[in-house]
Amino acid sequence: MSLVAKIERVPLREVWAHEALDLTRWLEENCDVLTDVLGLTLVSVERERTAGSFSVDLVAEDDGGRTVVIENQLERSDHDHLGKLITYTAMMDAQVAIWIVAEPRPEHVRALSWLNESPSDFYLLKIEGIRIADSPPAPLLTLIVGPSEAARVVGETKRELAERHSVRKDFWTELLERARPRTRLHGGISAGHDTWIGTGAGKSGLLFSYVMTQHGSGVELYIDRGRGLDDENTRIFETLLASREAIEREFGGPLEWQPLEGKRACRIKRSFDGGYRDEERWPEIHDAMIDAMIRLERALKPHLAQLAV
């Protein structure tokens, strides 16, 4: 039987005594080792490229023309090197960032996984020194974290949600400012990023709410007294429904009476075309919503006062 040798670990400082003078220089001359691990073909490798007042360990390009920054660390990963990696990526407008460390901390593994939700690709590699029998020491590079389509989709979804939240908050901010001179009903409400904002209608569990979607909007009385009170919600709704003719006459038009089958809540609503994605129409949409809210409160207020709740 032929002999099979064992791999022995070699302290990294015995292989490369100094990060910048030894490891970085060696990687500059042997960047093909990264190709084997990452599948990236790196060209035009430069050492100690200036980025503001800092120097990047290595800067290269891949075969697709993307800028690649590489940060090396012969010790356990730390916040200082993570900060440098992010700074260099931003300063160089890099699309790929590679961090090579002796020992990756769990929190830094998680951080790079999160960074891969951004448009740039982040790689975290563990580097070890090994030898077999009396062979010269050799590097062993292990991929710990890399980009994935799943992470990119998550990142795009988060950015879309953040943008959507920002637009919705702007929509509510402008509506509340426009409503302030005309009605005090929502005067104590702050703009948020949800699809509705509401205020108490004078009875527990009843809200006068503004609602909106991407291309729709409306005003409503929302009836939800809480868990286990479905029958009470229905009773309130049916009591108001019995006065539908008088309520709609005072409102000045038809309303949508929705018992919301399968849900414990009920609502009385007036809907409009145009929502938070129709920004050029916001003044028109806001005026219609504010006018309808004023009329809805006026039409329902005397009937709500008579409710036995």
C-alpha atoms as a PDB file:
ATOM      1  CA  MET A   1       0.000   0.000   0.000  1.00  0.00           C
ATOM      2  CA  SER A   2       1.335   3.426  -0.949  1.00  0.00           C
ATOM      3  CA  LEU A   3       1.963   5.919   1.814  1.00  0.00           C
ATOM      4  CA  VAL A   4      -0.522   8.770   2.247  1.00  0.00           C
ATOM      5  CA  ALA A   5       0.955  11.812   3.954  1.00  0.00           C
ATOM      6  CA  LYS A   6      -0.956  14.051   6.330  1.00  0.00           C
ATOM      7  CA  ILE A   7      -1.434  17.773   5.950  1.00  0.00           C
ATOM      8  CA  GLU A   8       0.249  19.771   8.686  1.00  0.00           C
ATOM      9  CA  ARG A   9      -0.749  23.324   9.634  1.00  0.00           C
ATOM     10  CA  VAL A  10       2.038  25.880   9.622  1.00  0.00           C
ATOM     11  CA  PRO A  11       1.760  29.144  11.597  1.00  0.00           C
ATOM     12  CA  LEU A  12       1.072  31.895   9.096  1.00  0.00           C
ATOM     13  CA  ARG A  13       3.809  34.107  10.471  1.00  0.00           C
ATOM     14  CA  GLU A  14       6.302  31.401   9.541  1.00  0.00           C
ATOM     15  CA  VAL A  15       5.076  31.565   5.948  1.00  0.00           C
ATOM     16  CA  TRP A  16       4.600  35.340   5.671  1.00  0.00           C
ATOM     17  CA  ALA A  17       6.166  37.343   8.474  1.00  0.00           C
ATOM     18  CA  HIS A  18       4.569  40.637   7.435  1.00  0.00           C
ATOM     19  CA  GLU A  19       1.173  41.339   5.855  1.00  0.00           C
ATOM     20  CA  ALA A  20       2.177  44.146   3.499  1.00  0.00           C
ATOM     21  CA  LEU A  21       5.759  43.151   2.727  1.00  0.00           C
ATOM     22  CA  ASP A  22       5.222  39.407   2.421  1.00  0.00           C
ATOM     23  CA  LEU A  23       1.595  38.240   2.047  1.00  0.00           C
ATOM     24  CA  THR A  24       0.419  41.133  -0.111  1.00  0.00           C
ATOM     25  CA  ARG A  25       3.503  40.918  -2.338  1.00  0.00           C
ATOM     26  CA  TRP A  26       3.058  37.146  -2.664  1.00  0.00           C
ATOM     27  CA  LEU A  27      -0.629  37.531  -3.631  1.00  0.00           C
ATOM     28  CA  GLU A  28       0.299  40.162  -6.203  1.00  0.00           C
ATOM     29  CA  GLU A  29       2.596  37.642  -7.870  1.00  0.00           C
ATOM     30  CA  ASN A  30       0.302  34.632  -7.384  1.00  0.00           C
ATOM     31  CA  CYS A  31      -3.213  36.007  -7.819  1.00  0.00           C
ATOM     32  CA  ASP A  32      -4.172  32.855  -9.713  1.00  0.00           C
ATOM     33  CA  VAL A  33      -4.724  31.158  -6.322  1.00  0.00           C
ATOM     34  CA  LEU A  34      -7.802  33.350  -5.959  1.00  0.00           C
ATOM     35  CA  THR A  35      -9.054  32.210  -9.350  1.00  0.00           C
ATOM     36  CA  ASP A  36      -9.007  28.612  -8.149  1.00  0.00           C
ATOM     37  CA  VAL A  37     -11.152  29.436  -5.103  1.00  0.00           C
ATOM     38  CA  LEU A  38     -13.464  32.170  -6.412  1.00  0.00           C
ATOM     39  CA  GLY A  39     -13.682  31.499 -10.121  1.00  0.00           C
ATOM     40  CA  LEU A  40     -12.549  35.066 -10.806  1.00  0.00           C
ATOM     41  CA  THR A  41      -9.804  35.777 -13.324  1.00  0.00           C
ATOM     42  CA  LEU A  42      -7.854  38.758 -11.975  1.00  0.00           C
ATOM     43  CA  VAL A  43      -5.641  40.955 -14.135  1.00  0.00           C
ATOM     44  CA  SER A  44      -3.771  44.254 -13.762  1.00  0.00           C
ATOM     45  CA  VAL A  45      -3.032  43.606 -10.092  1.00  0.00           C
ATOM     46  CA  GLU A  46      -1.555  46.635  -8.296  1.00  0.00           C
ATOM     47  CA  ARG A  47      -0.188  46.786  -4.756  1.00  0.00           C
ATOM     48  CA  GLU A  48      -0.731  49.652  -2.290  1.00  0.00           C
ATOM     49  CA  ARG A  49      -3.000  51.749  -4.555  1.00  0.00           C
ATOM     50  CA  THR A  50      -3.899  55.097  -2.922  1.00  0.00           C
ATOM     51  CA  ALA A  51      -7.546  55.657  -1.911  1.00  0.00           C
ATOM     52  CA  GLY A  52      -7.798  59.084  -0.311  1.00  0.00           C
ATOM     53  CA  SER A  53      -5.436  59.034   2.657  1.00  0.00           C
ATOM     54  CA  PHE A  54      -5.381  55.210   2.695  1.00  0.00           C
ATOM     55  CA  SER A  55      -3.552  52.561   0.706  1.00  0.00           C
ATOM     56  CA  VAL A  56      -5.427  49.525  -0.585  1.00  0.00           C
ATOM     57  CA  ASP A  57      -3.513  46.260  -0.200  1.00  0.00           C
ATOM     58  CA  LEU A  58      -4.321  45.130  -3.744  1.00  0.00           C
ATOM     59  CA  VAL A  59      -6.467  46.496  -6.566  1.00  0.00           C
ATOM     60  CA  ALA A  60      -7.196  44.477  -9.699  1.00  0.00           C
ATOM     61  CA  GLU A  61      -9.724  43.942 -12.445  1.00  0.00           C
ATOM     62  CA  ASP A  62     -11.599  40.781 -13.267  1.00  0.00           C
ATOM     63  CA  ASP A  63     -12.072  39.564 -16.822  1.00  0.00           C
ATOM     64  CA  GLY A  64     -15.371  41.455 -16.973  1.00  0.00           C
ATOM     65  CA  GLY A  65     -13.656  44.778 -16.305  1.00  0.00           C
ATOM     66  CA  ARG A  66     -14.943  45.128 -12.737  1.00  0.00           C
ATOM     67  CA  THR A  67     -12.692  46.788 -10.150  1.00  0.00           C
ATOM     68  CA  VAL A  68     -11.622  44.409  -7.362  1.00  0.00           C
ATOM     69  CA  VAL A  69     -10.181  45.472  -3.987  1.00  0.00           C
ATOM     70  CA  ILE A  70      -8.383  42.981  -1.762  1.00  0.00           C
ATOM     71  CA  GLU A  71      -7.668  43.447   1.947  1.00  0.00           C
ATOM     72  CA  ASN A  72      -5.348  40.994   3.733  1.00  0.00           C
ATOM     73  CA  GLN A  73      -5.049  40.149   7.401  1.00  0.00           C
ATOM     74  CA  LEU A  74      -2.696  37.616   8.973  1.00  0.00           C
ATOM     75  CA  GLU A  75      -4.662  37.705  12.212  1.00  0.00           C
ATOM     76  CA  ARG A  76      -8.217  37.228  13.390  1.00  0.00           C
ATOM     77  CA  SER A  77     -10.707  39.445  11.518  1.00  0.00           C
ATOM     78  CA  ASP A  78     -11.392  42.778  13.214  1.00  0.00           C
ATOM     79  CA  HIS A  79     -13.558  45.870  12.823  1.00  0.00           C
ATOM     80  CA  ASP A  80     -10.634  47.986  11.657  1.00  0.00           C
ATOM     81  CA  HIS A  81     -10.013  45.859   8.565  1.00  0.00           C
ATOM     82  CA  LEU A  82     -13.743  45.515   7.883  1.00  0.00           C
ATOM     83  CA  GLY A  83     -14.028  49.304   7.949  1.00  0.00           C
ATOM     84  CA  LYS A  84     -11.082  49.595   5.590  1.00  0.00           C
ATOM     85  CA  LEU A  85     -12.617  47.078   3.195  1.00  0.00           C
ATOM     86  CA  ILE A  86     -15.885  49.033   3.022  1.00  0.00           C
ATOM     87  CA  THR A  87     -14.037  52.357   2.694  1.00  0.00           C
ATOM     88  CA  TYR A  88     -11.819  51.064  -0.112  1.00  0.00           C
ATOM     89  CA  THR A  89     -14.815  49.601  -1.926  1.00  0.00           C
ATOM     90  CA  ALA A  90     -16.543  52.975  -1.824  1.00  0.00           C
ATOM     91  CA  MET A  91     -13.444  55.050  -2.642  1.00  0.00           C
ATOM     92  CA  MET A  92     -12.464  52.870  -5.607  1.00  0.00           C
ATOM     93  CA  ASP A  93     -16.077  52.435  -6.742  1.00  0.00           C
ATOM     94  CA  ALA A  94     -15.299  48.716  -6.733  1.00  0.00           C
ATOM     95  CA  GLN A  95     -17.796  46.044  -7.708  1.00  0.00           C
ATOM     96  CA  VAL A  96     -15.889  43.213  -5.984  1.00  0.00           C
ATOM     97  CA  ALA A  97     -14.296  43.195  -2.499  1.00  0.00           C
ATOM     98  CA  ILE A  98     -12.196  40.337  -1.122  1.00  0.00           C
ATOM     99  CA  TRP A  99     -11.152  40.055   2.530  1.00  0.00           C
ATOM    100  CA  ILE A 100      -8.517  37.410   3.336  1.00  0.00           C
ATOM    101  CA  VAL A 101      -8.105  36.628   7.048  1.00  0.00           C
ATOM    102  CA  ALA A 102      -6.468  34.029   9.238  1.00  0.00           C
ATOM    103  CA  GLU A 103      -9.524  33.531  11.422  1.00  0.00           C
ATOM    104  CA  PRO A 104     -12.955  34.924  10.515  1.00  0.00           C
ATOM    105  CA  ARG A 105     -15.085  36.011  13.460  1.00  0.00           C
ATOM    106  CA  PRO A 106     -18.761  34.933  13.306  1.00  0.00           C
ATOM    107  CA  GLU A 107     -19.948  38.553  13.452  1.00  0.00           C
ATOM    108  CA  HIS A 108     -17.806  39.429  10.429  1.00  0.00           C
ATOM    109  CA  VAL A 109     -19.113  36.413   8.519  1.00  0.00           C
ATOM    110  CA  ARG A 110     -22.602  37.748   9.159  1.00  0.00           C
ATOM    111  CA  ALA A 111     -21.567  41.288   8.213  1.00  0.00           C
ATOM    112  CA  LEU A 112     -20.265  40.219   4.802  1.00  0.00           C
ATOM    113  CA  SER A 113     -23.353  38.115   4.197  1.00  0.00           C
ATOM    114  CA  TRP A 114     -25.371  41.292   4.813  1.00  0.00           C
ATOM    115  CA  LEU A 115     -23.083  43.351   2.568  1.00  0.00           C
ATOM    116  CA  ASN A 116     -23.805  40.914  -0.242  1.00  0.00           C
ATOM    117  CA  GLU A 117     -27.324  42.326  -0.324  1.00  0.00           C
ATOM    118  CA  SER A 118     -25.724  45.423  -1.900  1.00  0.00           C
ATOM    119  CA  PRO A 119     -24.874  45.754  -5.615  1.00  0.00           C
ATOM    120  CA  SER A 120     -21.215  44.879  -4.911  1.00  0.00           C
ATOM    121  CA  ASP A 121     -19.886  41.332  -4.416  1.00  0.00           C
ATOM    122  CA  PHE A 122     -18.140  40.655  -1.086  1.00  0.00           C
ATOM    123  CA  TYR A 123     -15.961  37.603  -0.430  1.00  0.00           C
ATOM    124  CA  LEU A 124     -14.503  36.448   2.878  1.00  0.00           C
ATOM    125  CA  LEU A 125     -11.643  33.933   2.634  1.00  0.00           C
ATOM    126  CA  LYS A 126      -9.838  32.050   5.376  1.00  0.00           C
ATOM    127  CA  ILE A 127      -6.117  31.607   4.726  1.00  0.00           C
ATOM    128  CA  GLU A 128      -4.002  28.905   6.331  1.00  0.00           C
ATOM    129  CA  GLY A 129      -0.456  27.684   5.882  1.00  0.00           C
ATOM    130  CA  ILE A 130       0.006  23.974   5.270  1.00  0.00           C
ATOM    131  CA  ARG A 131       2.695  21.491   4.277  1.00  0.00           C
ATOM    132  CA  ILE A 132       2.826  17.796   3.479  1.00  0.00           C
ATOM    133  CA  ALA A 133       5.731  15.928   5.000  1.00  0.00           C
ATOM    134  CA  ASP A 134       8.846  18.020   4.302  1.00  0.00           C
ATOM    135  CA  SER A 135       7.349  20.072   1.457  1.00  0.00           C
ATOM    136  CA  PRO A 136       7.623  23.866   1.377  1.00  0.00           C
ATOM    137  CA  PRO A 137       4.662  25.618   3.022  1.00  0.00           C
ATOM    138  CA  ALA A 138       1.662  26.329   0.805  1.00  0.00           C
ATOM    139  CA  PRO A 139      -1.459  28.461   1.200  1.00  0.00           C
ATOM    140  CA  LEU A 140      -4.875  26.913   1.785  1.00  0.00           C
ATOM    141  CA  LEU A 141      -7.690  29.331   0.949  1.00  0.00           C
ATOM    142  CA  THR A 142     -11.250  28.499   1.979  1.00  0.00           C
ATOM    143  CA  LEU A 143     -14.269  30.518   0.870  1.00  0.00           C
ATOM    144  CA  ILE A 144     -16.355  31.452   3.923  1.00  0.00           C
ATOM    145  CA  VAL A 145     -18.771  33.982   2.412  1.00  0.00           C
ATOM    146  CA  GLY A 146     -19.510  34.933  -1.178  1.00  0.00           C
ATOM    147  CA  PRO A 147     -22.239  36.629  -3.177  1.00  0.00           C
ATOM    148  CA  SER A 148     -25.399  34.754  -4.129  1.00  0.00           C
ATOM    149  CA  GLU A 149     -28.477  35.437  -6.190  1.00  0.00           C
ATOM    150  CA  ALA A 150     -30.640  34.910  -3.112  1.00  0.00           C
ATOM    151  CA  ALA A 151     -28.775  37.614  -1.172  1.00  0.00           C
ATOM    152  CA  ARG A 152     -29.004  39.978  -4.128  1.00  0.00           C
ATOM    153  CA  VAL A 153     -32.770  39.451  -4.380  1.00  0.00           C
ATOM    154  CA  VAL A 154     -33.114  40.116  -0.644  1.00  0.00           C
ATOM    155  CA  GLY A 155     -31.106  43.316  -1.042  1.00  0.00           C
ATOM    156  CA  GLU A 156     -33.188  44.510  -3.964  1.00  0.00           C
ATOM    157  CA  THR A 157     -36.368  43.778  -2.024  1.00  0.00           C
ATOM    158  CA  LYS A 158     -35.109  45.748   0.983  1.00  0.00           C
ATOM    159  CA  ARG A 159     -34.163  48.714  -1.200  1.00  0.00           C
ATOM    160  CA  GLU A 160     -37.568  48.608  -2.875  1.00  0.00           C
ATOM    161  CA  LEU A 161     -39.301  48.548   0.523  1.00  0.00           C
ATOM    162  CA  ALA A 162     -37.175  51.423   1.794  1.00  0.00           C
ATOM    163  CA  GLU A 163     -38.006  53.491  -1.286  1.00  0.00           C
ATOM    164  CA  ARG A 164     -41.696  52.617  -0.956  1.00  0.00           C
ATOM    165  CA  HIS A 165     -41.708  53.584   2.723  1.00  0.00           C
ATOM    166  CA  SER A 166     -40.068  56.923   1.913  1.00  0.00           C
ATOM    167  CA  VAL A 167     -42.640  57.752  -0.779  1.00  0.00           C
ATOM    168  CA  ARG A 168     -45.559  56.776   1.471  1.00  0.00           C
ATOM    169  CA  LYS A 169     -44.238  58.948   4.292  1.00  0.00           C
ATOM    170  CA  ASP A 170     -43.953  61.900   1.888  1.00  0.00           C
ATOM    171  CA  PHE A 171     -47.533  61.255   0.736  1.00  0.00           C
ATOM    172  CA  TRP A 172     -48.856  61.355   4.316  1.00  0.00           C
ATOM    173  CA  THR A 173     -46.727  64.347   5.274  1.00  0.00           C
ATOM    174  CA  GLU A 174     -48.152  66.433   2.450  1.00  0.00           C
ATOM    175  CA  LEU A 175     -51.709  65.239   3.099  1.00  0.00           C
ATOM    176  CA  LEU A 176     -51.545  66.119   6.815  1.00  0.00           C
ATOM    177  CA  GLU A 177     -50.075  69.549   6.069  1.00  0.00           C
ATOM    178  CA  ARG A 178     -52.796  70.177   3.509  1.00  0.00           C
ATOM    179  CA  ALA A 179     -55.521  68.997   5.919  1.00  0.00           C
ATOM    180  CA  ARG A 180     -54.375  71.050   8.910  1.00  0.00           C
ATOM    181  CA  PRO A 181     -56.114  74.332   7.936  1.00  0.00           C
ATOM    182  CA  ARG A 182     -59.376  72.498   7.134  1.00  0.00           C
ATOM    183  CA  THR A 183     -59.860  69.956   9.916  1.00  0.00           C
ATOM    184  CA  ARG A 184     -58.376  69.137  13.301  1.00  0.00           C
ATOM    185  CA  LEU A 185     -59.413  65.473  13.114  1.00  0.00           C
ATOM    186  CA  HIS A 186     -55.914  64.116  12.397  1.00  0.00           C
ATOM    187  CA  GLY A 187     -54.046  67.048  13.919  1.00  0.00           C
ATOM    188  CA  GLY A 188     -52.231  64.865  16.456  1.00  0.00           C
ATOM    189  CA  ILE A 189     -51.108  62.237  13.929  1.00  0.00           C
ATOM    190  CA  SER A 190     -47.571  61.996  12.538  1.00  0.00           C
ATOM    191  CA  ALA A 191     -46.749  60.746   9.053  1.00  0.00           C
ATOM    192  CA  GLY A 192     -45.573  57.135   8.909  1.00  0.00           C
ATOM    193  CA  HIS A 193     -44.754  54.677   6.151  1.00  0.00           C
ATOM    194  CA  ASP A 194     -47.813  52.411   6.438  1.00  0.00           C
ATOM    195  CA  THR A 195     -50.682  52.304   3.948  1.00  0.00           C
ATOM    196  CA  TRP A 196     -53.037  53.972   6.409  1.00  0.00           C
ATOM    197  CA  ILE A 197     -53.169  56.581   9.137  1.00  0.00           C
ATOM    198  CA  GLY A 198     -56.050  56.813  11.576  1.00  0.00           C
ATOM    199  CA  THR A 199     -57.383  58.574  14.631  1.00  0.00           C
ATOM    200  CA  GLY A 200     -60.036  57.676  17.162  1.00  0.00           C
ATOM    201  CA  ALA A 201     -63.685  58.236  16.243  1.00  0.00           C
ATOM    202  CA  GLY A 202     -64.767  58.817  19.839  1.00  0.00           C
ATOM    203  CA  LYS A 203     -65.556  55.152  20.559  1.00  0.00           C
ATOM    204  CA  SER A 204     -63.055  52.449  21.486  1.00  0.00           C
ATOM    205  CA  GLY A 205     -61.990  50.412  18.460  1.00  0.00           C
ATOM    206  CA  LEU A 206     -63.449  52.815  15.880  1.00  0.00           C
ATOM    207  CA  LEU A 207     -61.041  54.788  13.681  1.00  0.00           C
ATOM    208  CA  PHE A 208     -61.413  57.457  11.044  1.00  0.00           C
ATOM    209  CA  SER A 209     -58.653  56.464   8.640  1.00  0.00           C
ATOM    210  CA  TYR A 210     -57.040  57.656   5.447  1.00  0.00           C
ATOM    211  CA  VAL A 211     -55.911  54.707   3.315  1.00  0.00           C
ATOM    212  CA  MET A 212     -53.918  54.379   0.105  1.00  0.00           C
ATOM    213  CA  THR A 213     -52.296  51.919  -2.269  1.00  0.00           C
ATOM    214  CA  GLN A 214     -49.983  52.494  -5.220  1.00  0.00           C
ATOM    215  CA  HIS A 215     -52.814  53.752  -7.428  1.00  0.00           C
ATOM    216  CA  GLY A 216     -55.797  53.977  -5.096  1.00  0.00           C
ATOM    217  CA  SER A 217     -56.841  55.879  -1.995  1.00  0.00           C
ATOM    218  CA  GLY A 218     -59.808  56.403   0.279  1.00  0.00           C
ATOM    219  CA  VAL A 219     -61.273  57.367   3.635  1.00  0.00           C
ATOM    220  CA  GLU A 220     -63.072  55.052   6.001  1.00  0.00           C
ATOM    221  CA  LEU A 221     -64.559  54.353   9.391  1.00  0.00           C
ATOM    222  CA  TYR A 222     -62.784  51.175  10.514  1.00  0.00           C
ATOM    223  CA  ILE A 223     -64.583  49.099  13.134  1.00  0.00           C
ATOM    224  CA  ASP A 224     -62.447  46.683  15.143  1.00  0.00           C
ATOM    225  CA  ARG A 225     -63.146  46.381  18.844  1.00  0.00           C
ATOM    226  CA  GLY A 226     -60.508  43.685  19.273  1.00  0.00           C
ATOM    227  CA  ARG A 227     -60.002  39.949  19.393  1.00  0.00           C
ATOM    228  CA  GLY A 228     -63.042  37.945  20.378  1.00  0.00           C
ATOM    229  CA  LEU A 229     -65.435  40.829  19.697  1.00  0.00           C
ATOM    230  CA  ASP A 230     -66.429  39.925  16.135  1.00  0.00           C
ATOM    231  CA  ASP A 231     -70.123  39.906  17.036  1.00  0.00           C
ATOM    232  CA  GLU A 232     -69.838  43.383  18.558  1.00  0.00           C
ATOM    233  CA  ASN A 233     -68.111  44.683  15.420  1.00  0.00           C
ATOM    234  CA  THR A 234     -70.946  43.259  13.340  1.00  0.00           C
ATOM    235  CA  ARG A 235     -73.577  44.751  15.668  1.00  0.00           C
ATOM    236  CA  ILE A 236     -72.043  48.243  15.370  1.00  0.00           C
ATOM    237  CA  PHE A 237     -71.767  47.910  11.602  1.00  0.00           C
ATOM    238  CA  GLU A 238     -75.388  46.751  11.240  1.00  0.00           C
ATOM    239  CA  THR A 239     -76.627  49.535  13.536  1.00  0.00           C
ATOM    240  CA  LEU A 240     -74.958  52.116  11.282  1.00  0.00           C
ATOM    241  CA  LEU A 241     -76.124  50.260   8.155  1.00  0.00           C
ATOM    242  CA  ALA A 242     -79.718  50.671   9.332  1.00  0.00           C
ATOM    243  CA  SER A 243     -79.184  54.449   8.971  1.00  0.00           C
ATOM    244  CA  ARG A 244     -77.451  54.141   5.615  1.00  0.00           C
ATOM    245  CA  GLU A 245     -79.851  56.407   3.739  1.00  0.00           C
ATOM    246  CA  ALA A 246     -79.492  59.263   6.232  1.00  0.00           C
ATOM    247  CA  ILE A 247     -75.721  58.853   6.493  1.00  0.00           C
ATOM    248  CA  GLU A 248     -75.177  58.853   2.721  1.00  0.00           C
ATOM    249  CA  ARG A 249     -77.513  61.817   2.319  1.00  0.00           C
ATOM    250  CA  GLU A 250     -75.477  63.828   4.832  1.00  0.00           C
ATOM    251  CA  PHE A 251     -72.209  62.600   3.281  1.00  0.00           C
ATOM    252  CA  GLY A 252     -73.380  63.684  -0.146  1.00  0.00           C
ATOM    253  CA  GLY A 253     -72.978  60.432  -2.043  1.00  0.00           C
ATOM    254  CA  PRO A 254     -72.793  56.635  -1.836  1.00  0.00           C
ATOM    255  CA  LEU A 255     -70.434  54.837   0.508  1.00  0.00           C
ATOM    256  CA  GLU A 256     -68.993  51.314   0.428  1.00  0.00           C
ATOM    257  CA  TRP A 257     -70.445  49.239   3.277  1.00  0.00           C
ATOM    258  CA  GLN A 258     -68.031  46.336   3.828  1.00  0.00           C
ATOM    259  CA  PRO A 259     -68.636  43.670   6.495  1.00  0.00           C
ATOM    260  CA  LEU A 260     -65.270  42.097   5.445  1.00  0.00           C
ATOM    261  CA  GLU A 261     -66.276  38.440   5.403  1.00  0.00           C
ATOM    262  CA  GLY A 262     -63.716  36.200   7.085  1.00  0.00           C
ATOM    263  CA  LYS A 263     -62.281  39.061   9.150  1.00  0.00           C
ATOM    264  CA  ARG A 264     -63.376  40.333  12.524  1.00  0.00           C
ATOM    265  CA  ALA A 265     -63.386  43.991  11.371  1.00  0.00           C
ATOM    266  CA  CYS A 266     -65.912  45.957   9.296  1.00  0.00           C
ATOM    267  CA  ARG A 267     -65.670  49.305   7.548  1.00  0.00           C
ATOM    268  CA  ILE A 268     -67.552  52.086   5.813  1.00  0.00           C
ATOM    269  CA  LYS A 269     -65.465  53.534   3.024  1.00  0.00           C
ATOM    270  CA  ARG A 270     -65.242  55.949   0.104  1.00  0.00           C
ATOM    271  CA  SER A 271     -62.601  55.120  -2.526  1.00  0.00           C
ATOM    272  CA  PHE A 272     -60.776  57.211  -5.128  1.00  0.00           C
ATOM    273  CA  ASP A 273     -58.505  56.628  -8.078  1.00  0.00           C
ATOM    274  CA  GLY A 274     -54.894  57.700  -7.573  1.00  0.00           C
ATOM    275  CA  GLY A 275     -52.410  56.702  -4.890  1.00  0.00           C
ATOM    276  CA  TYR A 276     -48.868  57.276  -3.692  1.00  0.00           C
ATOM    277  CA  ARG A 277     -47.320  56.299  -7.047  1.00  0.00           C
ATOM    278  CA  ASP A 278     -49.266  59.067  -8.814  1.00  0.00           C
ATOM    279  CA  GLU A 279     -47.083  61.841  -7.422  1.00  0.00           C
ATOM    280  CA  GLU A 280     -48.011  64.399 -10.067  1.00  0.00           C
ATOM    281  CA  ARG A 281     -51.641  64.117  -8.865  1.00  0.00           C
ATOM    282  CA  TRP A 282     -51.007  64.294  -5.119  1.00  0.00           C
ATOM    283  CA  PRO A 283     -52.633  67.731  -4.578  1.00  0.00           C
ATOM    284  CA  GLU A 284     -55.793  66.574  -6.375  1.00  0.00           C
ATOM    285  CA  ILE A 285     -55.837  63.235  -4.520  1.00  0.00           C
ATOM    286  CA  HIS A 286     -55.203  64.875  -1.147  1.00  0.00           C
ATOM    287  CA  ASP A 287     -57.977  67.424  -1.647  1.00  0.00           C
ATOM    288  CA  ALA A 288     -60.447  64.675  -2.535  1.00  0.00           C
ATOM    289  CA  MET A 289     -59.438  62.615   0.524  1.00  0.00           C
ATOM    290  CA  ILE A 290     -59.587  65.555   2.938  1.00  0.00           C
ATOM    291  CA  ASP A 291     -62.971  66.708   1.631  1.00  0.00           C
ATOM    292  CA  ALA A 292     -64.359  63.171   1.919  1.00  0.00           C
ATOM    293  CA  MET A 293     -62.974  62.746   5.449  1.00  0.00           C
ATOM    294  CA  ILE A 294     -64.611  65.963   6.618  1.00  0.00           C
ATOM    295  CA  ARG A 295     -67.945  64.858   5.159  1.00  0.00           C
ATOM    296  CA  LEU A 296     -67.590  61.301   6.504  1.00  0.00           C
ATOM    297  CA  GLU A 297     -66.951  62.517  10.045  1.00  0.00           C
ATOM    298  CA  ARG A 298     -69.875  64.948   9.837  1.00  0.00           C
ATOM    299  CA  ALA A 299     -72.236  62.273   8.501  1.00  0.00           C
ATOM    300  CA  LEU A 300     -71.297  59.609  11.055  1.00  0.00           C
ATOM    301  CA  LYS A 301     -70.686  61.650  14.197  1.00  0.00           C
ATOM    302  CA  PRO A 302     -74.302  61.870  15.471  1.00  0.00           C
ATOM    303  CA  HIS A 303     -74.870  58.151  14.812  1.00  0.00           C
ATOM    304  CA  LEU A 304     -71.636  57.181  16.580  1.00  0.00           C
ATOM    305  CA  ALA A 305     -72.645  59.247  19.610  1.00  0.00           C
ATOM    306  CA  GLN A 306     -75.777  57.092  19.985  1.00  0.00           C
ATOM    307  CA  LEU A 307     -73.916  53.764  19.935  1.00  0.00           C
ATOM    308  CA  ALA A 308     -74.099  51.786  23.177  1.00  0.00           C
ATOM    309  CA  VAL A 309     -70.383  50.898  23.355  1.00  0.00           C
END
